[in-house]
Amino acid sequence: MTSRDYYEVLGVARDADAKEIKRAYRKLAMQLHPDRNPDDAEAEDRFKEATEAYEVLSDDQKRELYNRYGHDGLKSSGFSPGYSNVEDIFSRMSDLFGFGDLFGFSGGGRQRNAPSRGEHLRYDLELRFEEAVLGTKRTIEVPRSERCEACDGSGAAGGAQPVGCRMCGGRGQVHARQGLFTLTTDCPTCRGRGEVIDNPCKACGARGRVVRERKVVVRIPAGVDTGSRLRLRNEGEAGRNGGPPGDLYVFLAVQDHPRLLRDGVHLRLVAPISYVQAALGTELSIETLEETVQVDIAAGTQPNDEIVVKGAGVPVLDGSGRGDLIVTVKVEIPRKAKGRERELLEALAEETGSRVKAKSKGLFKKLKSR
């Protein structure tokens, strides 16, 4: 990851909206595109840096995390751009904008049958509340394309030789205009290879890849929440022509808890107490996700008062401390006081001069004579 400020990289203000950010990135990418700057390592590095900045600032969740915790917060959440070459950037452009090379260039001098990175995969994972707050490790099964062992990834059976593709004239790419832009995409007939195979491998249907389920261990850091995304490098689809595999993106959803409510890095809990406990004070034993804490309820506590237990909340993703447990007091008043309880309340009303609907005539006198 670059150490420079992402807003500085794109040349936009910190309150810039999505359109301004996208406009700034387009302008930079047009200037720094490899086809306009062949063999210019500095331009390529700046191209990668601008794409990294756009990837973060164009995503609301990543941008909020970056604004609060900077680069360390992104690292703690599992974000790492990992652009090993320009091909990685073109692949990321496809993710960001929904089509191939955004700017209509040839793709950084890509050659026919050149190694290309595999596609990225998405996996939706549901976590229990405790797992998200405290962190955990889960093993998932991911169906993905892997190199065909029968043809060693070539797609041809028995050592057959490919022939040039007629659809694209052996270029491996076709072009289409969209308004002012020319979009370059892989040829649908040869899938970008520039060649077709007359004697295809039966195991993979000439694709050079087969789908298999693979077990992947996902380490969930403490403090993630619904919408968090983890990136597992090289756990996506297999690359083509010897290219590196894509990445696996794990999107997290967190189940609700029966007692606890999450509020950012804080946990909230409602604790019911009687009106007598509220008036005289008490001590409550409250079970958190990890331990039992003692909460002191002062005499005279009012309904909806909040008591903060420091450090008993959610771990902060960047590893610097944790939030608090906020206990909201709910004073429970009986809907109908009966028997001895009502007698005592009526006596208390008599002594304090409070006007109430008394049902027991002469009750106070009876109590005094006892």
Protein backbone atom coordinates (compact mmCIF):
# COMPACT_ATOMS: atom_id res chain seq x y z
CA MET A 1 0.00 0.00 0.00
CA THR A 2 1.12 3.54 -0.67
CA SER A 3 1.94 5.63 2.38
CA ARG A 4 0.68 8.85 0.77
CA ASP A 5 -2.66 10.39 1.67
CA TYR A 6 -5.29 9.10 -0.79
CA TYR A 7 -6.96 12.51 -1.11
CA GLU A 8 -3.59 14.01 -1.96
CA VAL A 9 -2.93 11.28 -4.54
CA LEU A 10 -6.16 12.09 -6.41
CA GLY A 11 -5.94 15.81 -5.74
CA VAL A 12 -9.39 16.12 -4.16
CA ALA A 13 -10.69 17.59 -0.91
CA ARG A 14 -11.62 15.30 1.99
CA ASP A 15 -15.30 16.18 1.54
CA ALA A 16 -15.28 15.46 -2.22
CA ASP A 17 -18.32 13.54 -3.45
CA ALA A 18 -18.27 10.34 -5.53
CA LYS A 19 -18.48 12.18 -8.87
CA GLU A 20 -15.50 14.41 -8.05
CA ILE A 21 -13.43 11.41 -6.97
CA LYS A 22 -14.27 9.44 -10.10
CA ARG A 23 -13.54 12.46 -12.33
CA ALA A 24 -10.15 12.99 -10.68
CA TYR A 25 -9.21 9.33 -11.08
CA ARG A 26 -10.22 9.24 -14.77
CA LYS A 27 -8.06 12.29 -15.44
CA LEU A 28 -5.01 10.83 -13.69
CA ALA A 29 -5.45 7.40 -15.26
CA MET A 30 -5.63 8.93 -18.75
CA GLN A 31 -2.36 10.77 -18.08
CA LEU A 32 -0.55 7.80 -16.54
CA HIS A 33 -1.92 4.94 -18.65
CA PRO A 34 0.90 2.53 -19.73
CA ASP A 35 0.02 2.91 -23.41
CA ARG A 36 0.79 6.61 -23.14
CA ASN A 37 3.87 6.03 -21.01
CA PRO A 38 5.63 2.93 -22.37
CA ASP A 39 8.58 1.68 -20.29
CA ASP A 40 8.03 4.47 -17.74
CA ALA A 41 8.31 2.81 -14.32
CA GLU A 42 7.47 6.02 -12.45
CA ALA A 43 4.24 6.53 -14.41
CA GLU A 44 3.28 2.90 -13.81
CA ASP A 45 3.84 3.29 -10.04
CA ARG A 46 1.72 6.44 -9.98
CA PHE A 47 -0.94 4.62 -12.04
CA LYS A 48 -1.05 1.86 -9.40
CA GLU A 49 -1.12 4.44 -6.59
CA ALA A 50 -4.03 6.34 -8.16
CA THR A 51 -6.00 3.13 -8.68
CA GLU A 52 -5.40 2.13 -5.05
CA ALA A 53 -6.62 5.54 -3.86
CA TYR A 54 -9.72 5.33 -6.05
CA GLU A 55 -10.48 1.79 -4.87
CA VAL A 56 -10.61 3.05 -1.27
CA LEU A 57 -12.30 6.43 -1.70
CA SER A 58 -14.98 5.10 -4.08
CA ASP A 59 -16.09 2.52 -1.51
CA ASP A 60 -18.15 4.06 1.33
CA GLN A 61 -17.09 1.48 3.92
CA LYS A 62 -13.38 1.63 3.06
CA ARG A 63 -13.47 5.41 2.93
CA GLU A 64 -15.06 5.68 6.39
CA LEU A 65 -12.49 3.25 7.79
CA TYR A 66 -9.66 5.22 6.17
CA ASN A 67 -11.00 8.56 7.41
CA ARG A 68 -11.14 7.24 10.99
CA TYR A 69 -8.02 5.11 11.22
CA GLY A 70 -5.90 5.82 8.13
CA HIS A 71 -3.84 3.16 6.37
CA ASP A 72 -3.54 1.06 9.56
CA GLY A 73 -7.31 0.67 9.74
CA LEU A 74 -7.42 -0.62 6.16
CA LYS A 75 -4.64 -3.11 6.83
CA SER A 76 -6.38 -4.39 9.96
CA SER A 77 -9.58 -4.98 7.99
CA GLY A 78 -7.70 -7.14 5.48
CA PHE A 79 -7.46 -4.62 2.63
CA SER A 80 -4.36 -4.88 0.47
CA PRO A 81 -4.36 -3.76 -3.18
CA GLY A 82 -1.55 -6.14 -4.16
CA TYR A 83 -1.03 -4.85 -7.70
CA SER A 84 1.77 -7.09 -8.94
CA ASN A 85 1.60 -5.70 -12.48
CA VAL A 86 -0.49 -3.55 -14.80
CA GLU A 87 -2.73 -6.55 -15.59
CA ASP A 88 -3.87 -6.46 -11.98
CA ILE A 89 -4.96 -2.86 -12.44
CA PHE A 90 -6.94 -3.61 -15.61
CA SER A 91 -8.62 -6.47 -13.77
CA ARG A 92 -9.49 -4.08 -10.91
CA MET A 93 -10.86 -1.54 -13.38
CA SER A 94 -13.26 -4.19 -14.59
CA ASP A 95 -14.43 -4.69 -10.99
CA LEU A 96 -14.81 -0.94 -10.36
CA PHE A 97 -16.46 0.15 -13.60
CA GLY A 98 -18.18 -2.99 -14.88
CA PHE A 99 -16.28 -3.43 -18.15
CA GLY A 100 -12.76 -3.92 -19.46
CA ASP A 101 -10.13 -1.26 -20.14
CA LEU A 102 -11.99 1.94 -19.21
CA PHE A 103 -9.98 4.16 -21.50
CA GLY A 104 -10.01 2.23 -24.80
CA PHE A 105 -6.27 1.54 -24.90
CA SER A 106 -4.83 -1.80 -25.89
CA GLY A 107 -4.19 -2.71 -22.27
CA GLY A 108 -0.60 -1.81 -21.52
CA GLY A 109 0.90 -3.64 -24.45
CA ARG A 110 -0.71 -6.99 -23.67
CA GLN A 111 0.39 -9.69 -26.04
CA ARG A 112 -1.68 -12.51 -27.43
CA ASN A 113 -1.59 -15.55 -25.13
CA ALA A 114 0.25 -13.51 -22.50
CA PRO A 115 -0.30 -14.73 -18.91
CA SER A 116 -3.41 -13.19 -17.40
CA ARG A 117 -4.64 -13.17 -13.85
CA GLY A 118 -7.61 -15.30 -12.85
CA GLU A 119 -10.96 -13.80 -11.94
CA HIS A 120 -11.76 -12.69 -8.40
CA LEU A 121 -14.37 -14.61 -6.43
CA ARG A 122 -16.93 -13.55 -3.84
CA TYR A 123 -18.08 -15.59 -0.85
CA ASP A 124 -20.81 -14.47 1.60
CA LEU A 125 -20.13 -15.65 5.16
CA GLU A 126 -22.52 -15.30 8.10
CA LEU A 127 -21.00 -14.99 11.57
CA ARG A 128 -22.39 -15.29 15.05
CA PHE A 129 -22.30 -12.09 17.06
CA GLU A 130 -19.56 -13.46 19.33
CA GLU A 131 -17.38 -14.46 16.37
CA ALA A 132 -17.51 -10.97 14.87
CA VAL A 133 -16.71 -9.19 18.12
CA LEU A 134 -14.01 -11.52 19.42
CA GLY A 135 -12.58 -12.85 16.14
CA THR A 136 -12.45 -16.46 15.00
CA LYS A 137 -11.23 -18.85 12.33
CA ARG A 138 -13.60 -20.49 9.85
CA THR A 139 -13.05 -23.08 7.14
CA ILE A 140 -15.18 -22.56 4.03
CA GLU A 141 -15.59 -24.56 0.81
CA VAL A 142 -15.21 -22.48 -2.33
CA PRO A 143 -15.95 -23.78 -5.84
CA ARG A 144 -13.33 -22.34 -8.17
CA SER A 145 -11.58 -23.01 -11.46
CA GLU A 146 -8.19 -24.70 -11.25
CA ARG A 147 -5.65 -25.82 -13.82
CA CYS A 148 -6.72 -28.96 -15.68
CA GLU A 149 -4.26 -31.73 -14.92
CA ALA A 150 -5.27 -33.81 -17.96
CA CYS A 151 -3.92 -31.23 -20.44
CA ASP A 152 -1.67 -29.30 -18.05
CA GLY A 153 -3.81 -26.22 -18.58
CA SER A 154 -3.30 -26.05 -22.36
CA GLY A 155 -6.87 -27.03 -23.28
CA ALA A 156 -5.58 -29.35 -26.05
CA ALA A 157 -5.71 -33.14 -25.94
CA GLY A 158 -2.82 -35.31 -27.08
CA GLY A 159 -0.44 -32.46 -27.79
CA ALA A 160 -2.64 -30.92 -30.51
CA GLN A 161 -1.51 -27.59 -31.96
CA PRO A 162 -3.87 -24.59 -31.92
CA VAL A 163 -4.73 -22.57 -35.02
CA GLY A 164 -5.35 -18.84 -35.42
CA CYS A 165 -8.80 -17.53 -34.45
CA ARG A 166 -10.79 -16.19 -37.41
CA MET A 167 -13.08 -14.04 -35.29
CA CYS A 168 -10.33 -11.75 -34.04
CA GLY A 169 -7.67 -12.47 -36.67
CA GLY A 170 -5.39 -13.96 -34.03
CA ARG A 171 -5.30 -10.77 -31.97
CA GLY A 172 -7.26 -12.22 -29.07
CA GLN A 173 -9.28 -9.02 -28.66
CA VAL A 174 -12.24 -7.30 -30.28
CA HIS A 175 -13.13 -3.60 -30.15
CA ALA A 176 -16.46 -1.84 -29.75
CA ARG A 177 -17.24 1.86 -29.55
CA GLN A 178 -19.36 3.36 -26.78
CA GLY A 179 -19.81 7.06 -27.30
CA LEU A 180 -16.40 8.71 -27.12
CA PHE A 181 -14.69 5.57 -25.81
CA THR A 182 -13.50 2.43 -27.52
CA LEU A 183 -13.89 -0.64 -25.33
CA THR A 184 -11.43 -3.48 -25.77
CA THR A 185 -12.53 -6.93 -24.61
CA ASP A 186 -11.36 -10.50 -25.01
CA CYS A 187 -12.55 -12.29 -28.14
CA PRO A 188 -15.60 -14.43 -27.21
CA THR A 189 -14.58 -17.19 -29.64
CA CYS A 190 -11.02 -17.82 -28.46
CA ARG A 191 -11.44 -16.24 -25.01
CA GLY A 192 -8.53 -13.88 -25.63
CA ARG A 193 -6.05 -16.57 -26.67
CA GLY A 194 -5.92 -15.61 -30.34
CA GLU A 195 -6.01 -19.31 -31.15
CA VAL A 196 -8.57 -22.10 -31.22
CA ILE A 197 -8.06 -25.79 -30.57
CA ASP A 198 -9.32 -28.42 -33.02
CA ASN A 199 -8.71 -31.33 -30.65
CA PRO A 200 -9.97 -30.06 -27.28
CA CYS A 201 -9.28 -31.74 -23.97
CA LYS A 202 -12.35 -33.73 -22.92
CA ALA A 203 -11.70 -33.18 -19.21
CA CYS A 204 -11.98 -29.39 -19.38
CA GLY A 205 -13.62 -28.74 -22.78
CA ALA A 206 -10.52 -26.84 -24.06
CA ARG A 207 -10.79 -24.31 -21.25
CA GLY A 208 -7.61 -25.50 -19.56
CA ARG A 209 -9.40 -25.23 -16.21
CA VAL A 210 -11.84 -27.37 -14.25
CA VAL A 211 -14.12 -26.45 -11.34
CA ARG A 212 -13.26 -27.99 -7.98
CA GLU A 213 -14.29 -27.25 -4.40
CA ARG A 214 -11.41 -26.12 -2.25
CA LYS A 215 -11.32 -25.69 1.53
CA VAL A 216 -10.04 -22.28 2.55
CA VAL A 217 -9.26 -21.14 6.10
CA VAL A 218 -10.54 -17.62 6.81
CA ARG A 219 -9.13 -15.79 9.82
CA ILE A 220 -11.69 -13.28 11.08
CA PRO A 221 -10.09 -10.38 13.00
CA ALA A 222 -11.81 -9.19 16.17
CA GLY A 223 -14.12 -6.23 15.65
CA VAL A 224 -15.50 -6.89 12.15
CA ASP A 225 -19.14 -6.04 11.43
CA THR A 226 -21.78 -6.59 8.78
CA GLY A 227 -20.43 -5.26 5.47
CA SER A 228 -16.78 -5.91 6.34
CA ARG A 229 -14.84 -7.47 3.49
CA LEU A 230 -11.78 -9.69 3.74
CA ARG A 231 -9.41 -10.26 0.83
CA LEU A 232 -7.62 -13.60 0.54
CA ARG A 233 -4.78 -13.28 -1.93
CA ASN A 234 -4.51 -15.88 -4.71
CA GLU A 235 -7.55 -17.86 -3.56
CA GLY A 236 -9.69 -16.95 -6.60
CA GLU A 237 -9.92 -18.49 -10.07
CA ALA A 238 -6.80 -19.96 -11.65
CA GLY A 239 -4.92 -17.69 -14.07
CA ARG A 240 -4.66 -18.31 -17.80
CA ASN A 241 -1.51 -19.17 -19.68
CA GLY A 242 0.48 -19.45 -16.48
CA GLY A 243 -0.86 -16.22 -14.98
CA PRO A 244 -1.42 -15.81 -11.21
CA PRO A 245 -4.77 -16.72 -9.64
CA GLY A 246 -7.30 -14.09 -8.67
CA ASP A 247 -8.31 -13.21 -5.13
CA LEU A 248 -11.18 -14.34 -2.95
CA TYR A 249 -13.29 -11.62 -1.33
CA VAL A 250 -15.24 -12.73 1.74
CA PHE A 251 -18.19 -10.47 2.59
CA LEU A 252 -19.37 -10.73 6.20
CA ALA A 253 -22.87 -10.59 7.71
CA VAL A 254 -23.31 -10.73 11.50
CA GLN A 255 -26.27 -12.26 13.33
CA ASP A 256 -28.09 -10.32 16.05
CA HIS A 257 -27.50 -11.07 19.74
CA PRO A 258 -30.45 -11.73 22.09
CA ARG A 259 -29.20 -9.26 24.75
CA LEU A 260 -26.45 -7.10 23.30
CA LEU A 261 -26.72 -4.41 20.64
CA ARG A 262 -23.68 -3.18 18.76
CA ASP A 263 -23.08 0.56 18.42
CA GLY A 264 -19.82 0.91 16.48
CA VAL A 265 -17.10 -0.21 18.89
CA HIS A 266 -19.49 -0.05 21.86
CA LEU A 267 -21.92 -2.65 23.16
CA ARG A 268 -25.32 -1.68 24.56
CA LEU A 269 -27.47 -3.62 27.00
CA VAL A 270 -30.77 -2.91 28.77
CA ALA A 271 -30.80 -3.93 32.46
CA PRO A 272 -34.22 -4.13 34.17
CA ILE A 273 -34.35 -3.27 37.89
CA SER A 274 -37.18 -2.73 40.35
CA TYR A 275 -38.25 0.72 41.48
CA VAL A 276 -37.03 -0.18 44.97
CA GLN A 277 -33.55 -0.98 43.62
CA ALA A 278 -33.58 2.28 41.69
CA ALA A 279 -34.44 4.24 44.82
CA LEU A 280 -32.09 2.49 47.24
CA GLY A 281 -29.29 1.39 44.88
CA THR A 282 -28.01 -2.11 44.11
CA GLU A 283 -25.28 -4.05 42.31
CA LEU A 284 -25.93 -6.09 39.17
CA SER A 285 -23.93 -9.01 37.75
CA ILE A 286 -23.95 -8.68 33.96
CA GLU A 287 -22.62 -11.34 31.59
CA THR A 288 -20.67 -9.95 28.65
CA LEU A 289 -19.29 -12.04 25.79
CA GLU A 290 -16.16 -12.88 27.77
CA GLU A 291 -16.84 -12.45 31.48
CA THR A 292 -19.23 -11.37 34.22
CA VAL A 293 -18.87 -7.73 35.29
CA GLN A 294 -20.27 -6.04 38.39
CA VAL A 295 -22.24 -2.86 37.71
CA ASP A 296 -22.99 -0.48 40.57
CA ILE A 297 -26.48 1.08 40.50
CA ALA A 298 -26.43 4.23 42.61
CA ALA A 299 -29.36 5.17 44.86
CA GLY A 300 -31.72 7.48 43.05
CA THR A 301 -31.01 6.06 39.59
CA GLN A 302 -33.59 7.28 37.09
CA PRO A 303 -35.21 5.37 34.20
CA ASN A 304 -32.98 5.27 31.08
CA ASP A 305 -29.89 6.39 32.97
CA GLU A 306 -26.75 5.02 31.33
CA ILE A 307 -23.84 3.40 33.15
CA VAL A 308 -20.58 2.97 31.21
CA VAL A 309 -18.27 0.01 31.82
CA LYS A 310 -14.95 1.05 30.27
CA GLY A 311 -13.16 -1.40 27.97
CA ALA A 312 -15.90 -4.03 27.93
CA GLY A 313 -16.97 -3.35 24.35
CA VAL A 314 -15.73 -4.32 20.86
CA PRO A 315 -12.00 -4.47 20.00
CA VAL A 316 -10.96 -1.70 17.61
CA LEU A 317 -9.95 -3.13 14.24
CA ASP A 318 -6.55 -1.44 14.21
CA GLY A 319 -5.74 -3.11 17.54
CA SER A 320 -5.63 0.05 19.69
CA GLY A 321 -7.95 -0.68 22.61
CA ARG A 322 -11.65 -1.45 22.60
CA GLY A 323 -14.99 0.24 23.12
CA ASP A 324 -17.23 0.31 26.20
CA LEU A 325 -20.27 -1.52 27.50
CA ILE A 326 -23.16 0.91 27.96
CA VAL A 327 -25.85 -0.32 30.37
CA THR A 328 -29.23 1.43 30.08
CA VAL A 329 -31.32 1.13 33.22
CA LYS A 330 -34.95 0.14 32.76
CA VAL A 331 -36.93 0.72 35.95
CA GLU A 332 -39.81 -1.74 36.15
CA ILE A 333 -42.93 -0.52 37.97
CA PRO A 334 -45.58 -3.10 38.85
CA ARG A 335 -48.78 -2.62 36.91
CA LYS A 336 -50.86 -3.51 40.01
CA ALA A 337 -49.50 -3.43 43.56
CA LYS A 338 -51.17 -6.00 45.81
CA GLY A 339 -51.24 -7.09 49.42
CA ARG A 340 -48.39 -6.10 51.68
CA GLU A 341 -46.63 -4.18 48.88
CA ARG A 342 -49.65 -1.91 48.42
CA GLU A 343 -50.03 -1.40 52.13
CA LEU A 344 -46.43 -0.24 52.44
CA LEU A 345 -46.75 2.07 49.45
CA GLU A 346 -49.92 3.66 50.84
CA ALA A 347 -48.18 4.15 54.18
CA LEU A 348 -45.25 5.79 52.43
CA ALA A 349 -47.64 8.05 50.53
CA GLU A 350 -49.27 9.07 53.79
CA GLU A 351 -45.94 9.98 55.39
CA THR A 352 -44.65 11.92 52.38
CA GLY A 353 -47.94 13.71 51.77
CA SER A 354 -48.38 12.21 48.31
CA ARG A 355 -51.93 12.04 47.04
CA VAL A 356 -52.83 8.56 45.83
CA LYS A 357 -55.93 6.47 45.26
CA ALA A 358 -56.08 4.70 48.60
CA LYS A 359 -58.17 1.53 48.86
CA SER A 360 -57.50 0.64 52.50
CA LYS A 361 -59.31 3.08 54.79
CA GLY A 362 -57.54 3.73 58.06
CA LEU A 363 -54.59 1.67 56.90
CA PHE A 364 -51.97 4.06 58.25
CA LYS A 365 -53.50 3.90 61.72
CA LYS A 366 -53.49 0.13 61.67
CA LEU A 367 -49.82 0.07 60.67
CA LYS A 368 -48.88 2.50 63.46
CA SER A 369 -50.67 0.42 66.08
CA ARG A 370 -48.65 -2.71 65.19
